[in-house]
C-alpha atoms as a PDB file:
ATOM      1  CA  MET A   1      36.397  40.723 -40.697  1.00  0.00           C
ATOM      2  CA  PRO A   2      33.112  40.420 -38.981  1.00  0.00           C
ATOM      3  CA  SER A   3      33.905  36.841 -39.875  1.00  0.00           C
ATOM      4  CA  ASP A   4      37.395  36.329 -38.672  1.00  0.00           C
ATOM      5  CA  ARG A   5      35.905  37.522 -35.175  1.00  0.00           C
ATOM      6  CA  TRP A   6      33.275  34.968 -35.386  1.00  0.00           C
ATOM      7  CA  CYS A   7      35.787  32.134 -36.366  1.00  0.00           C
ATOM      8  CA  GLY A   8      38.573  33.712 -33.429  1.00  0.00           C
ATOM      9  CA  ALA A   9      35.341  33.241 -31.001  1.00  0.00           C
ATOM     10  CA  ASN A  10      34.790  29.852 -32.104  1.00  0.00           C
ATOM     11  CA  ARG A  11      38.181  28.705 -31.800  1.00  0.00           C
ATOM     12  CA  ARG A  12      39.180  30.157 -28.428  1.00  0.00           C
ATOM     13  CA  TYR A  13      36.077  28.449 -26.971  1.00  0.00           C
ATOM     14  CA  GLY A  14      36.441  25.087 -28.694  1.00  0.00           C
ATOM     15  CA  ALA A  15      34.216  25.816 -31.076  1.00  0.00           C
ATOM     16  CA  GLY A  16      35.218  25.728 -34.354  1.00  0.00           C
ATOM     17  CA  PRO A  17      33.510  25.584 -37.673  1.00  0.00           C
ATOM     18  CA  ARG A  18      33.130  21.478 -37.511  1.00  0.00           C
ATOM     19  CA  PHE A  19      31.754  21.798 -34.377  1.00  0.00           C
ATOM     20  CA  VAL A  20      29.472  24.418 -35.663  1.00  0.00           C
ATOM     21  CA  GLN A  21      28.274  22.300 -38.400  1.00  0.00           C
ATOM     22  CA  THR A  22      27.558  19.402 -36.301  1.00  0.00           C
ATOM     23  CA  ARG A  23      25.386  21.060 -34.055  1.00  0.00           C
ATOM     24  CA  ARG A  24      23.404  22.536 -36.492  1.00  0.00           C
ATOM     25  CA  ALA A  25      22.854  19.224 -38.136  1.00  0.00           C
ATOM     26  CA  ALA A  26      21.890  17.944 -34.704  1.00  0.00           C
ATOM     27  CA  LEU A  27      19.447  20.566 -33.765  1.00  0.00           C
ATOM     28  CA  ALA A  28      18.275  19.973 -37.616  1.00  0.00           C
ATOM     29  CA  GLY A  29      17.268  16.221 -37.024  1.00  0.00           C
ATOM     30  CA  LEU A  30      15.686  16.816 -33.564  1.00  0.00           C
ATOM     31  CA  ALA A  31      13.276  19.422 -35.719  1.00  0.00           C
ATOM     32  CA  ALA A  32      12.727  16.631 -37.927  1.00  0.00           C
ATOM     33  CA  LEU A  33      12.113  14.202 -35.213  1.00  0.00           C
ATOM     34  CA  LEU A  34       9.700  16.497 -33.646  1.00  0.00           C
ATOM     35  CA  ALA A  35       7.665  17.171 -36.656  1.00  0.00           C
ATOM     36  CA  ALA A  36       7.667  13.336 -37.866  1.00  0.00           C
ATOM     37  CA  ARG A  37       5.478  12.605 -33.930  1.00  0.00           C
ATOM     38  CA  PRO A  38       1.658  11.633 -34.920  1.00  0.00           C
ATOM     39  CA  ALA A  39       0.165  14.969 -34.580  1.00  0.00           C
ATOM     40  CA  ALA A  40      -3.253  12.818 -33.117  1.00  0.00           C
ATOM     41  CA  ALA A  41      -0.714  12.262 -29.908  1.00  0.00           C
ATOM     42  CA  ALA A  42      -1.340  16.060 -28.999  1.00  0.00           C
ATOM     43  CA  ARG A  43      -5.003  16.222 -29.946  1.00  0.00           C
ATOM     44  CA  ALA A  44      -7.218  15.281 -26.985  1.00  0.00           C
ATOM     45  CA  LEU A  45     -10.609  13.630 -28.102  1.00  0.00           C
ATOM     46  CA  LYS A  46     -13.748  15.839 -27.795  1.00  0.00           C
ATOM     47  CA  LEU A  47     -16.504  14.539 -25.453  1.00  0.00           C
ATOM     48  CA  LEU A  48     -19.966  16.735 -25.975  1.00  0.00           C
ATOM     49  CA  CYS A  49     -22.494  16.192 -23.223  1.00  0.00           C
ATOM     50  CA  LEU A  50     -25.668  17.242 -24.292  1.00  0.00           C
ATOM     51  CA  GLY A  51     -28.534  17.759 -22.022  1.00  0.00           C
ATOM     52  CA  ASP A  52     -30.480  19.472 -19.649  1.00  0.00           C
ATOM     53  CA  SER A  53     -30.212  20.274 -15.937  1.00  0.00           C
ATOM     54  CA  LEU A  54     -28.948  16.938 -15.135  1.00  0.00           C
ATOM     55  CA  THR A  55     -26.038  17.551 -17.188  1.00  0.00           C
ATOM     56  CA  ALA A  56     -25.519  21.022 -16.316  1.00  0.00           C
ATOM     57  CA  GLY A  57     -24.801  20.505 -12.659  1.00  0.00           C
ATOM     58  CA  TYR A  58     -27.633  22.421 -11.109  1.00  0.00           C
ATOM     59  CA  LEU A  59     -26.722  24.164  -8.186  1.00  0.00           C
ATOM     60  CA  LEU A  60     -23.447  22.097  -7.837  1.00  0.00           C
ATOM     61  CA  PRO A  61     -20.156  24.328  -7.488  1.00  0.00           C
ATOM     62  CA  ALA A  62     -17.845  25.142 -10.535  1.00  0.00           C
ATOM     63  CA  GLY A  63     -15.584  21.160 -11.524  1.00  0.00           C
ATOM     64  CA  GLN A  64     -18.742  18.910  -9.926  1.00  0.00           C
ATOM     65  CA  GLY A  65     -20.824  18.657 -12.640  1.00  0.00           C
ATOM     66  CA  PHE A  66     -21.451  15.558 -15.009  1.00  0.00           C
ATOM     67  CA  ALA A  67     -18.995  16.764 -17.597  1.00  0.00           C
ATOM     68  CA  PRO A  68     -16.016  17.710 -15.433  1.00  0.00           C
ATOM     69  CA  VAL A  69     -16.080  14.580 -13.200  1.00  0.00           C
ATOM     70  CA  LEU A  70     -16.956  12.585 -15.944  1.00  0.00           C
ATOM     71  CA  GLU A  71     -13.670  14.019 -18.160  1.00  0.00           C
ATOM     72  CA  ARG A  72     -11.783  13.910 -14.694  1.00  0.00           C
ATOM     73  CA  GLU A  73     -12.427   9.903 -14.316  1.00  0.00           C
ATOM     74  CA  LEU A  74     -11.810   9.796 -17.939  1.00  0.00           C
ATOM     75  CA  ARG A  75      -8.456  11.300 -17.572  1.00  0.00           C
ATOM     76  CA  LYS A  76      -7.262   8.482 -14.714  1.00  0.00           C
ATOM     77  CA  ARG A  77      -8.087   5.799 -17.547  1.00  0.00           C
ATOM     78  CA  GLY A  78      -5.155   7.125 -19.520  1.00  0.00           C
ATOM     79  CA  LEU A  79      -7.286   8.941 -21.591  1.00  0.00           C
ATOM     80  CA  ALA A  80      -6.455  12.777 -22.723  1.00  0.00           C
ATOM     81  CA  VAL A  81     -10.011  14.270 -23.218  1.00  0.00           C
ATOM     82  CA  GLU A  82     -11.947  17.243 -23.230  1.00  0.00           C
ATOM     83  CA  ALA A  83     -15.589  17.102 -22.089  1.00  0.00           C
ATOM     84  CA  ILE A  84     -17.862  19.889 -23.168  1.00  0.00           C
ATOM     85  CA  ASP A  85     -20.627  20.665 -20.856  1.00  0.00           C
ATOM     86  CA  ALA A  86     -23.569  21.566 -22.940  1.00  0.00           C
ATOM     87  CA  GLY A  87     -26.501  21.053 -20.694  1.00  0.00           C
ATOM     88  CA  VAL A  88     -28.672  23.648 -20.476  1.00  0.00           C
ATOM     89  CA  SER A  89     -30.936  23.522 -17.388  1.00  0.00           C
ATOM     90  CA  GLY A  90     -34.667  23.660 -18.249  1.00  0.00           C
ATOM     91  CA  ASP A  91     -33.855  22.326 -22.090  1.00  0.00           C
ATOM     92  CA  THR A  92     -36.514  19.808 -23.601  1.00  0.00           C
ATOM     93  CA  ALA A  93     -35.319  17.607 -25.931  1.00  0.00           C
ATOM     94  CA  THR A  94     -36.587  20.102 -29.143  1.00  0.00           C
ATOM     95  CA  ALA A  95     -34.233  22.746 -27.390  1.00  0.00           C
ATOM     96  CA  GLY A  96     -31.561  20.677 -27.684  1.00  0.00           C
ATOM     97  CA  ALA A  97     -32.102  19.694 -31.372  1.00  0.00           C
ATOM     98  CA  GLU A  98     -32.464  23.363 -31.747  1.00  0.00           C
ATOM     99  CA  ARG A  99     -29.105  24.236 -30.310  1.00  0.00           C
ATOM    100  CA  LEU A 100     -27.219  20.932 -31.545  1.00  0.00           C
ATOM    101  CA  ASP A 101     -24.736  22.815 -33.875  1.00  0.00           C
ATOM    102  CA  TRP A 102     -23.851  25.637 -31.609  1.00  0.00           C
ATOM    103  CA  ALA A 103     -23.067  23.305 -28.824  1.00  0.00           C
ATOM    104  CA  LEU A 104     -21.117  20.935 -31.061  1.00  0.00           C
ATOM    105  CA  GLY A 105     -18.616  23.947 -32.609  1.00  0.00           C
ATOM    106  CA  GLU A 106     -16.212  22.602 -34.586  1.00  0.00           C
ATOM    107  CA  GLY A 107     -17.324  18.692 -33.957  1.00  0.00           C
ATOM    108  CA  ALA A 108     -16.952  16.069 -31.625  1.00  0.00           C
ATOM    109  CA  ASP A 109     -16.018  12.581 -31.372  1.00  0.00           C
ATOM    110  CA  VAL A 110     -18.546  11.562 -28.952  1.00  0.00           C
ATOM    111  CA  ALA A 111     -22.058  12.845 -27.719  1.00  0.00           C
ATOM    112  CA  VAL A 112     -23.736  12.021 -24.982  1.00  0.00           C
ATOM    113  CA  VAL A 113     -27.262  12.798 -25.179  1.00  0.00           C
ATOM    114  CA  GLU A 114     -29.306  13.581 -22.324  1.00  0.00           C
ATOM    115  CA  LEU A 115     -32.444  14.849 -22.735  1.00  0.00           C
ATOM    116  CA  GLY A 116     -36.144  14.353 -21.899  1.00  0.00           C
ATOM    117  CA  ALA A 117     -36.291  14.734 -18.711  1.00  0.00           C
ATOM    118  CA  ASN A 118     -38.117  18.059 -18.837  1.00  0.00           C
ATOM    119  CA  ASP A 119     -40.944  16.960 -21.505  1.00  0.00           C
ATOM    120  CA  MET A 120     -41.609  13.812 -19.026  1.00  0.00           C
ATOM    121  CA  PHE A 121     -42.336  16.759 -16.352  1.00  0.00           C
ATOM    122  CA  ARG A 122     -43.936  19.079 -18.450  1.00  0.00           C
ATOM    123  CA  GLY A 123     -46.550  15.679 -19.911  1.00  0.00           C
ATOM    124  CA  THR A 124     -45.175  16.469 -23.429  1.00  0.00           C
ATOM    125  CA  ASP A 125     -46.510  14.267 -26.163  1.00  0.00           C
ATOM    126  CA  PRO A 126     -44.130  11.485 -26.527  1.00  0.00           C
ATOM    127  CA  GLU A 127     -43.837  11.584 -30.315  1.00  0.00           C
ATOM    128  CA  ILE A 128     -42.408  15.193 -29.845  1.00  0.00           C
ATOM    129  CA  THR A 129     -40.162  13.868 -27.708  1.00  0.00           C
ATOM    130  CA  ARG A 130     -39.054  11.163 -30.055  1.00  0.00           C
ATOM    131  CA  ARG A 131     -38.714  13.337 -32.863  1.00  0.00           C
ATOM    132  CA  ALA A 132     -36.586  15.528 -31.361  1.00  0.00           C
ATOM    133  CA  LEU A 133     -34.120  13.024 -30.189  1.00  0.00           C
ATOM    134  CA  ASP A 134     -34.199  11.259 -33.555  1.00  0.00           C
ATOM    135  CA  SER A 135     -33.591  14.035 -35.381  1.00  0.00           C
ATOM    136  CA  ILE A 136     -29.936  15.209 -32.939  1.00  0.00           C
ATOM    137  CA  LEU A 137     -29.018  11.210 -33.510  1.00  0.00           C
ATOM    138  CA  THR A 138     -29.221  11.769 -37.006  1.00  0.00           C
ATOM    139  CA  ARG A 139     -27.099  14.157 -37.277  1.00  0.00           C
ATOM    140  CA  LEU A 140     -24.325  13.417 -35.072  1.00  0.00           C
ATOM    141  CA  LYS A 141     -24.469  10.474 -37.183  1.00  0.00           C
ATOM    142  CA  GLU A 142     -24.167  12.968 -40.151  1.00  0.00           C
ATOM    143  CA  LYS A 143     -21.441  14.804 -38.860  1.00  0.00           C
ATOM    144  CA  ARG A 144     -19.127  11.709 -38.007  1.00  0.00           C
ATOM    145  CA  VAL A 145     -19.760  11.725 -34.129  1.00  0.00           C
ATOM    146  CA  ARG A 146     -20.603   9.022 -32.004  1.00  0.00           C
ATOM    147  CA  PRO A 147     -23.610   9.088 -30.181  1.00  0.00           C
ATOM    148  CA  ILE A 148     -24.228   7.429 -26.622  1.00  0.00           C
ATOM    149  CA  LEU A 149     -28.591   7.934 -25.102  1.00  0.00           C
ATOM    150  CA  ALA A 150     -28.694   8.267 -21.972  1.00  0.00           C
ATOM    151  CA  GLY A 151     -32.634   7.172 -21.813  1.00  0.00           C
ATOM    152  CA  MET A 152     -34.978   8.795 -19.002  1.00  0.00           C
ATOM    153  CA  ARG A 153     -38.052   7.098 -17.207  1.00  0.00           C
ATOM    154  CA  ALA A 154     -41.501   8.646 -16.732  1.00  0.00           C
ATOM    155  CA  SER A 155     -42.916   9.207 -13.379  1.00  0.00           C
ATOM    156  CA  PRO A 156     -45.530   6.491 -12.546  1.00  0.00           C
ATOM    157  CA  GLY A 157     -48.031   9.300 -11.664  1.00  0.00           C
ATOM    158  CA  LEU A 158     -48.355  10.196 -15.513  1.00  0.00           C
ATOM    159  CA  GLY A 159     -50.636   7.504 -16.110  1.00  0.00           C
ATOM    160  CA  ALA A 160     -49.870   3.430 -17.468  1.00  0.00           C
ATOM    161  CA  ASP A 161     -50.633   4.995 -21.327  1.00  0.00           C
ATOM    162  CA  TYR A 162     -48.104   7.583 -20.689  1.00  0.00           C
ATOM    163  CA  VAL A 163     -45.181   6.002 -19.371  1.00  0.00           C
ATOM    164  CA  ALA A 164     -45.300   3.079 -21.786  1.00  0.00           C
ATOM    165  CA  ARG A 165     -45.508   5.192 -24.670  1.00  0.00           C
ATOM    166  CA  PHE A 166     -42.004   7.464 -23.044  1.00  0.00           C
ATOM    167  CA  ASP A 167     -39.762   4.870 -21.709  1.00  0.00           C
ATOM    168  CA  ARG A 168     -39.995   2.659 -24.967  1.00  0.00           C
ATOM    169  CA  ILE A 169     -38.503   6.088 -27.150  1.00  0.00           C
ATOM    170  CA  TYR A 170     -35.085   5.257 -26.018  1.00  0.00           C
ATOM    171  CA  PRO A 171     -34.541   1.652 -26.458  1.00  0.00           C
ATOM    172  CA  GLU A 172     -36.537   1.851 -29.803  1.00  0.00           C
ATOM    173  CA  LEU A 173     -34.221   4.603 -31.108  1.00  0.00           C
ATOM    174  CA  ALA A 174     -31.306   3.261 -29.733  1.00  0.00           C
ATOM    175  CA  GLU A 175     -32.293  -0.100 -31.865  1.00  0.00           C
ATOM    176  CA  LYS A 176     -32.885   2.227 -34.866  1.00  0.00           C
ATOM    177  CA  HIS A 177     -30.012   4.079 -35.168  1.00  0.00           C
ATOM    178  CA  GLY A 178     -27.731   1.001 -34.138  1.00  0.00           C
ATOM    179  CA  VAL A 179     -26.419   3.464 -31.211  1.00  0.00           C
ATOM    180  CA  PRO A 180     -25.025   2.421 -27.101  1.00  0.00           C
ATOM    181  CA  LEU A 181     -28.442   2.867 -24.647  1.00  0.00           C
ATOM    182  CA  TYR A 182     -27.718   3.355 -21.438  1.00  0.00           C
ATOM    183  CA  PRO A 183     -31.430   3.036 -20.330  1.00  0.00           C
ATOM    184  CA  PHE A 184     -31.406   5.196 -17.279  1.00  0.00           C
ATOM    185  CA  PHE A 185     -29.340   8.021 -16.756  1.00  0.00           C
ATOM    186  CA  LEU A 186     -30.270   8.503 -13.179  1.00  0.00           C
ATOM    187  CA  GLU A 187     -29.667   4.817 -12.584  1.00  0.00           C
ATOM    188  CA  GLY A 188     -28.676   4.272  -8.654  1.00  0.00           C
ATOM    189  CA  VAL A 189     -29.070   7.966  -7.489  1.00  0.00           C
ATOM    190  CA  ALA A 190     -33.059   8.802  -8.309  1.00  0.00           C
ATOM    191  CA  GLY A 191     -35.371   8.082  -5.206  1.00  0.00           C
ATOM    192  CA  ASP A 192     -32.415   8.203  -3.085  1.00  0.00           C
ATOM    193  CA  ARG A 193     -32.468  11.326  -0.862  1.00  0.00           C
ATOM    194  CA  ALA A 194     -29.078  10.923   0.396  1.00  0.00           C
ATOM    195  CA  LEU A 195     -27.913  11.487  -3.713  1.00  0.00           C
ATOM    196  CA  ASN A 196     -30.418  14.093  -4.635  1.00  0.00           C
ATOM    197  CA  LEU A 197     -30.926  17.802  -3.273  1.00  0.00           C
ATOM    198  CA  PRO A 198     -34.188  18.652  -1.834  1.00  0.00           C
ATOM    199  CA  ASP A 199     -35.932  18.745  -4.611  1.00  0.00           C
ATOM    200  CA  GLY A 200     -35.735  15.706  -4.954  1.00  0.00           C
ATOM    201  CA  ILE A 201     -34.575  15.609  -9.107  1.00  0.00           C
ATOM    202  CA  HIS A 202     -31.197  16.312  -8.986  1.00  0.00           C
ATOM    203  CA  PRO A 203     -28.417  14.910  -7.823  1.00  0.00           C
ATOM    204  CA  THR A 204     -25.948  15.801  -4.984  1.00  0.00           C
ATOM    205  CA  LYS A 205     -21.851  16.059  -5.814  1.00  0.00           C
ATOM    206  CA  ALA A 206     -22.765  12.555  -4.186  1.00  0.00           C
ATOM    207  CA  GLY A 207     -25.139  11.571  -6.812  1.00  0.00           C
ATOM    208  CA  VAL A 208     -23.419  12.607  -9.606  1.00  0.00           C
ATOM    209  CA  GLU A 209     -20.202  10.867  -8.948  1.00  0.00           C
ATOM    210  CA  ARG A 210     -22.699   7.718  -9.190  1.00  0.00           C
ATOM    211  CA  ILE A 211     -23.946   8.637 -12.011  1.00  0.00           C
ATOM    212  CA  VAL A 212     -20.521   9.338 -13.513  1.00  0.00           C
ATOM    213  CA  ALA A 213     -19.572   5.546 -12.103  1.00  0.00           C
ATOM    214  CA  GLY A 214     -22.680   3.901 -14.066  1.00  0.00           C
ATOM    215  CA  ILE A 215     -21.967   5.634 -17.464  1.00  0.00           C
ATOM    216  CA  LEU A 216     -17.900   5.661 -17.720  1.00  0.00           C
ATOM    217  CA  PRO A 217     -17.839   1.896 -18.904  1.00  0.00           C
ATOM    218  CA  LEU A 218     -19.902   2.522 -21.701  1.00  0.00           C
ATOM    219  CA  VAL A 219     -18.617   6.345 -22.806  1.00  0.00           C
ATOM    220  CA  GLU A 220     -14.629   5.306 -22.192  1.00  0.00           C
ATOM    221  CA  ALA A 221     -15.317   2.361 -24.508  1.00  0.00           C
ATOM    222  CA  GLU A 222     -17.012   4.633 -27.286  1.00  0.00           C
ATOM    223  CA  LEU A 223     -14.055   7.077 -26.880  1.00  0.00           C
ATOM    224  CA  ARG A 224     -11.345   4.305 -27.466  1.00  0.00           C
ATOM    225  CA  GLU A 225     -13.134   2.850 -30.250  1.00  0.00           C
ATOM    226  CA  ALA A 226     -13.313   6.444 -31.724  1.00  0.00           C
ATOM    227  CA  ALA A 227      -9.530   6.812 -30.861  1.00  0.00           C
ATOM    228  CA  ALA A 228      -8.668   3.914 -32.933  1.00  0.00           C
ATOM    229  CA  GLY A 229     -11.203   4.683 -35.802  1.00  0.00           C
END
């Protein structure tokens, strides 16, 4: 009896058994189409920004630090990307190496490595900085993450010998590991009072925008390579 009422209702509204079968077939076809869509299209690329206060957006409002501004600009260029802010103020290269696994979480496609400034300010032996950065790059590659090494430069006040030993860390490691090098993270910002906070070290909002504009083409290229691969 219930089936008779169902069929009667279908005939009343112009929806007979053939209509129901056609509708079910259409829905099944739509479901199959959606299931066949490439899974990668729904996955955003992950970009790890591993660094110190220069990455963390020291004293800047939320959304104005390096990672969120970089993500915004990459999305403007059509890249579905999630930038992970793994900047910790005060971190040395050794501290960054110690928390690398935690920062990576479930993994990333590309990583910008910006560490070493605090080593330099503390006068840390450049060999200690080198070993830590070497470890980070090695482990990222083992985890199939494409690293970008962001360089730092030593203050001339530390003496010519220290400056020479420190400054060559970055190009030498980039060559050793075959990874892209952005020679100086603070390019166009360091020394410009208009782009730095009163401490003369950390970038303002405008300073971050300048940093992002400089490194953006390199990061974009690596992300597109990761997506293609």
